[in-house]
Structure formats: C-alpha cells, structure tokens
Protein backbone atom coordinates (compact mmCIF):
# COMPACT_ATOMS: atom_id res chain seq x y z
CA UNK A 1 105.95 134.69 80.91
CA UNK A 2 109.04 136.96 81.75
CA UNK A 3 112.54 135.59 80.66
CA UNK A 4 115.44 136.97 82.64
CA UNK A 5 119.08 136.77 82.80
CA UNK A 6 120.06 134.42 85.44
CA UNK A 7 122.84 135.61 87.82
CA UNK A 8 124.56 133.33 90.39
CA UNK A 9 125.58 136.20 93.05
CA UNK A 10 123.15 137.02 95.75
CA UNK A 11 124.67 140.30 96.38
CA UNK A 12 123.73 142.65 93.60
CA UNK A 13 122.22 145.63 94.96
CA UNK A 14 118.31 145.45 94.44
CA UNK A 15 115.44 147.19 95.14
CA UNK A 16 112.86 144.95 96.18
CA UNK A 17 109.44 143.74 97.42
CA UNK A 18 106.85 144.78 99.78
CA UNK A 19 104.29 147.32 100.97
CA UNK A 20 102.40 147.25 103.90
CA UNK A 21 100.72 150.41 102.97
CA UNK A 22 98.72 148.98 100.03
CA UNK A 23 99.14 145.47 100.94
CA UNK A 24 99.88 144.75 97.35
CA UNK A 25 101.50 141.30 96.11
CA UNK A 26 101.46 139.59 92.77
CA UNK A 27 103.39 136.59 92.40
CA UNK A 28 103.74 135.00 88.80
CA UNK A 29 105.60 131.71 88.49
CA UNK A 30 107.72 131.18 85.02
CA UNK A 31 109.46 127.99 84.04
CA UNK A 32 111.82 128.16 86.92
CA UNK A 33 111.50 131.72 88.17
CA UNK A 34 109.07 133.28 90.92
CA UNK A 35 108.42 136.92 90.78
CA UNK A 36 107.18 139.36 93.24
CA UNK A 37 105.41 142.57 92.06
CA UNK A 38 104.98 145.29 94.22
CA UNK A 39 104.29 149.06 93.47
CA UNK A 40 106.99 151.42 92.57
CA UNK A 41 106.32 155.19 94.23
CA UNK A 42 109.78 157.03 94.71
CA UNK A 43 107.64 159.96 95.92
CA UNK A 44 106.27 158.31 98.92
CA UNK A 45 109.64 156.61 99.98
CA UNK A 46 108.40 152.97 98.23
CA UNK A 47 112.04 151.95 96.47
CA UNK A 48 112.82 148.77 98.40
CA UNK A 49 115.92 147.08 99.04
CA UNK A 50 116.56 143.06 99.81
CA UNK A 51 118.94 142.35 102.65
CA UNK A 52 120.06 139.21 101.13
CA UNK A 53 121.10 137.78 104.49
CA UNK A 54 121.50 134.44 105.20
CA UNK A 55 119.09 133.02 102.19
CA UNK A 56 121.66 130.60 101.35
CA UNK A 57 119.13 127.97 98.98
CA UNK A 58 117.30 131.16 96.89
CA UNK A 59 118.54 133.45 94.78
CA UNK A 60 117.85 137.37 93.19
CA UNK A 61 118.08 136.64 89.70
CA UNK A 62 116.96 139.59 88.16
CA UNK A 63 115.05 143.27 89.23
CA UNK A 64 113.31 145.64 87.55
CA UNK A 65 110.87 148.47 86.97
CA UNK A 66 108.11 149.00 84.84
CA UNK A 67 104.60 150.78 84.77
CA UNK A 68 104.80 151.84 87.96
CA UNK A 69 105.69 148.56 89.42
CA UNK A 70 108.88 146.54 90.79
CA UNK A 71 109.58 142.96 90.13
CA UNK A 72 111.76 140.67 91.57
CA UNK A 73 112.95 137.38 90.25
CA UNK A 74 113.94 134.29 92.23
CA UNK A 75 115.16 130.93 92.00
CA UNK A 76 116.69 127.96 93.91
CA UNK A 77 120.22 127.35 94.93
CA UNK A 78 121.60 124.01 95.52
CA UNK A 79 122.13 124.43 99.38
CA UNK A 80 120.07 121.81 100.92
CA UNK A 81 122.51 119.26 101.64
CA UNK A 82 123.96 122.57 103.70
CA UNK A 83 120.92 122.98 105.97
CA UNK A 84 120.36 121.80 108.87
CA UNK A 85 118.15 124.25 110.69
CA UNK A 86 115.47 124.04 107.87
CA UNK A 87 114.59 124.92 104.46
CA UNK A 88 112.93 128.19 104.40
CA UNK A 89 114.11 131.62 103.97
CA UNK A 90 113.19 134.75 105.30
CA UNK A 91 113.57 137.63 102.75
CA UNK A 92 113.37 141.02 104.67
CA UNK A 93 112.62 144.05 102.39
CA UNK A 94 113.02 147.46 103.94
CA UNK A 95 111.81 150.53 101.97
CA UNK A 96 113.61 154.44 101.91
CA UNK A 97 110.70 155.59 104.03
CA UNK A 98 111.61 152.95 106.52
CA UNK A 99 108.69 150.29 105.90
CA UNK A 100 109.69 146.59 106.47
CA UNK A 101 108.30 143.57 105.07
CA UNK A 102 109.29 140.10 105.32
CA UNK A 103 108.33 136.95 102.66
CA UNK A 104 109.18 133.29 103.62
CA UNK A 105 110.36 131.42 100.85
CA UNK A 106 111.84 127.72 99.88
CA UNK A 107 113.25 125.94 96.73
CA UNK A 108 110.59 123.44 96.20
CA UNK A 109 112.75 120.50 95.48
CA UNK A 110 116.73 121.94 96.69
CA UNK A 111 118.14 121.74 92.86
CA UNK A 112 120.40 124.84 91.52
CA UNK A 113 117.51 126.69 89.40
CA UNK A 114 114.70 125.12 91.07
CA UNK A 115 111.35 126.96 91.44
CA UNK A 116 110.85 128.88 94.59
CA UNK A 117 107.72 128.88 96.55
CA UNK A 118 106.91 132.46 98.28
CA UNK A 119 104.59 133.78 100.41
CA UNK A 120 103.82 137.51 102.27
CA UNK A 121 104.38 136.61 106.35
CA UNK A 122 101.20 137.72 107.05
CA UNK A 123 99.76 135.25 104.50
CA UNK A 124 101.28 132.20 106.48
CA UNK A 125 100.31 130.78 109.98
CA UNK A 126 103.63 130.80 111.83
CA UNK A 127 104.33 129.34 115.92
CA UNK A 128 107.83 129.15 117.31
CA UNK A 129 108.68 125.92 119.45
CA UNK A 130 111.43 125.87 121.86
CA UNK A 131 113.60 122.54 122.24
CA UNK A 132 115.55 122.40 125.34
CA UNK A 133 117.86 119.58 125.84
CA UNK A 134 118.04 117.11 128.54
CA UNK A 135 121.68 117.28 129.30
CA UNK A 136 121.76 120.82 129.45
CA UNK A 137 125.40 121.74 128.34
CA UNK A 138 126.16 125.10 126.38
CA UNK A 139 127.94 123.23 123.59
CA UNK A 140 125.01 121.17 122.46
CA UNK A 141 124.81 121.25 118.92
CA UNK A 142 121.10 121.27 116.99
CA UNK A 143 119.87 120.63 113.73
CA UNK A 144 116.83 119.16 112.04
CA UNK A 145 116.92 115.56 111.72
CA UNK A 146 117.19 114.26 108.47
CA UNK A 147 114.17 112.05 108.92
CA UNK A 148 112.07 115.22 109.08
CA UNK A 149 110.08 115.45 105.76
CA UNK A 150 108.70 118.90 106.42
CA UNK A 151 112.00 121.10 106.70
CA UNK A 152 109.90 123.34 104.17
CA UNK A 153 108.36 124.22 107.22
CA UNK A 154 111.03 125.20 109.39
CA UNK A 155 112.97 128.63 109.06
CA UNK A 156 116.93 128.16 108.62
CA UNK A 157 118.63 129.71 111.52
CA UNK A 158 122.28 129.92 112.02
CA UNK A 159 121.93 130.41 115.82
CA UNK A 160 122.17 126.16 116.45
CA UNK A 161 124.63 126.32 119.41
CA UNK A 162 123.30 125.97 123.19
CA UNK A 163 121.08 124.58 125.72
CA UNK A 164 117.94 125.08 123.84
CA UNK A 165 116.92 126.50 120.03
CA UNK A 166 113.64 127.98 119.14
CA UNK A 167 112.56 126.93 115.73
CA UNK A 168 110.28 129.04 113.75
CA UNK A 169 107.51 126.75 111.96
CA UNK A 170 105.41 127.82 109.14
CA UNK A 171 102.73 126.72 107.03
CA UNK A 172 102.48 128.26 103.90
CA UNK A 173 98.84 128.88 102.02
CA UNK A 174 99.71 126.27 99.12
CA UNK A 175 100.41 123.65 102.37
CA UNK A 176 97.37 120.93 101.90
CA UNK A 177 99.24 118.80 105.28
CA UNK A 178 98.10 120.97 108.02
CA UNK A 179 99.94 118.36 110.72
CA UNK A 180 103.25 116.97 110.26
CA UNK A 181 105.85 115.67 112.88
CA UNK A 182 109.26 116.66 112.78
CA UNK A 183 112.77 115.55 114.92
CA UNK A 184 115.33 117.92 116.01
CA UNK A 185 118.57 116.41 117.11
CA UNK A 186 120.71 117.88 119.79
CA UNK A 187 124.74 116.54 119.94
CA UNK A 188 127.09 117.23 122.75
CA UNK A 189 130.77 115.93 122.85
CA UNK A 190 130.64 116.87 126.45
CA UNK A 191 127.63 114.75 127.25
CA UNK A 192 129.01 112.15 125.02
CA UNK A 193 125.28 111.30 123.62
CA UNK A 194 123.02 112.23 121.62
CA UNK A 195 119.30 113.55 121.65
CA UNK A 196 116.14 112.94 119.33
CA UNK A 197 113.55 115.17 119.97
CA UNK A 198 110.14 114.42 118.01
CA UNK A 199 107.31 117.14 117.91
CA UNK A 200 104.08 116.56 116.21
CA UNK A 201 102.80 120.47 114.69
CA UNK A 202 98.67 120.84 114.10
CA UNK A 203 97.46 123.76 112.21
CA UNK A 204 94.06 122.64 111.87
CA UNK A 205 92.77 124.64 114.54
CA UNK A 206 92.66 128.28 115.24
CA UNK A 207 95.77 128.45 117.45
CA UNK A 208 99.32 125.84 116.06
CA UNK A 209 99.85 123.21 118.36
CA UNK A 210 103.25 121.46 119.36
CA UNK A 211 102.80 118.21 121.15
CA UNK A 212 106.52 116.99 122.01
CA UNK A 213 107.32 113.23 122.67
CA UNK A 214 109.47 112.44 125.23
CA UNK A 215 113.18 112.66 123.76
CA UNK A 216 115.40 109.40 123.23
CA UNK A 217 118.62 109.39 124.01
CA UNK A 218 121.05 107.77 121.39
CA UNK A 219 124.86 106.58 121.60
CA UNK A 220 126.90 105.27 118.96
CA UNK A 221 123.29 105.56 116.48
CA UNK A 222 121.67 103.39 119.39
CA UNK A 223 118.85 103.89 122.22
CA UNK A 224 120.56 103.90 125.73
CA UNK A 225 117.97 106.00 127.60
CA UNK A 226 114.78 108.16 128.09
CA UNK A 227 115.49 111.37 130.09
CA UNK A 228 113.94 109.52 133.34
CA UNK A 229 116.56 107.01 132.99
CA UNK A 230 119.25 109.24 132.10
CA UNK A 231 118.60 111.11 135.52
CA UNK A 232 118.59 107.78 137.26
CA UNK A 233 121.73 106.01 135.48
CA UNK A 234 125.28 107.05 135.10
CA UNK A 235 124.50 107.39 131.30
CA UNK A 236 125.87 110.53 130.14
C-alpha cells in the first residue's frame, strides 16, 4: 500500500500518465487513492504532464518517479453537486515527445477524498449522442437530469448552451450494467418551458445503440405536451 500526502490544489505541476508506444498501464488502489503507473524514459521523451483542465471531481494528490516508472495518485473531490453534465472526467496527459493519452475517471461516491475509478480510453467503449431541443432556441440550457442514475457514464462538459448538445457516453471495463437510460434536460427562458429527453443506451452488442423516446414538454414541473402537440398548439 502506498501512503501519500494529500494536496488539495489541482494545479500543481506534475508529470503524468500514459504511453501508447508501450501500452503499459498499472492501476493500484489504496484506501482512498487510485494510482496510475507508467514507464519513465526521459531519453525517449516519455516524461508526462497532466493538464488538469475541468477535472472538477477528481484531484491529483501526489506524483513521484521510482525504478523507471512514474506513479500518479488521484482521489475524489466533493464536487458532484456542481456537476450538471455528467460525472466522468477526461484526464489528458501529454509527453515531451508530443504523444497524448486520455484516461476516463470518476469519483465513486462523490465524497471528498473518495476513491476514483480510472480506465484508459482504449479500454472503454465510447459513443457520442447528440440531443436536439424541440424549441430550437439558442438560449437552451442543458443538463443531465437529477433522476439519471448513470451520470458515472456521462462525460462532463462545460458546453451547456445551444439548440443541441453532444454527450460522450462511456462504458467502463468494470461496469456490469451494460444497458441503462438517462434523462437530458433542456430549459429555455425564451420558450418558457422545459424539455425532458429520455435515451436508452445499449452496450451489449458490437456497436453501442442509443434509442430516444419522444421528449416531454414541461411547465411548472408538470407535463403539458409532446413535441407533436407543441407544434400544433399555442404552448411555448
């Protein structure tokens, strides 16, 4: 078990994970930390730097080099209440030689110093799904609905406004549940109503399948119309 001093500043300068050349990954789990171990070869340009951009629910707590390896330790941050676009963070690492690798991670329960689940992108099944608003107003504000129990499969995004939004949906190697549904919400002050888009994701086959239901239109938290009824009415 590796014990490390915990830091709470995400912006510390670090060298971090990844090597597509070697395809080498080791993740060791401590009491509340998850470690990623990569080869350290300065002569080949394999010194890695973690960008720490928008990874608001996980934090790098320490990093070190020993025995020709780089070891990076992550833990969770108490930030889930602020996340409206999914719980998964994309951890981006770039080597001095220009090579880039991406890992997906999320805090398991959403508590501060929580354990983080980490997987390299190539070990995950990933699909993109675009949700389009019914009203088509530019001021639509998107979020992942509070009733979506699979936010740990949705990549966090800071792009939340517009007539449509593209979500990255991720199946981690550890996921036993390969089928799940999720609600995506759209709110527009101009339109004066809310839209609830329910999509069912199926990862059981060779290619992920997304099956959407007709969105429901809400006002004052009550359903008022379907998209077809909205187009043929004065509801706005």
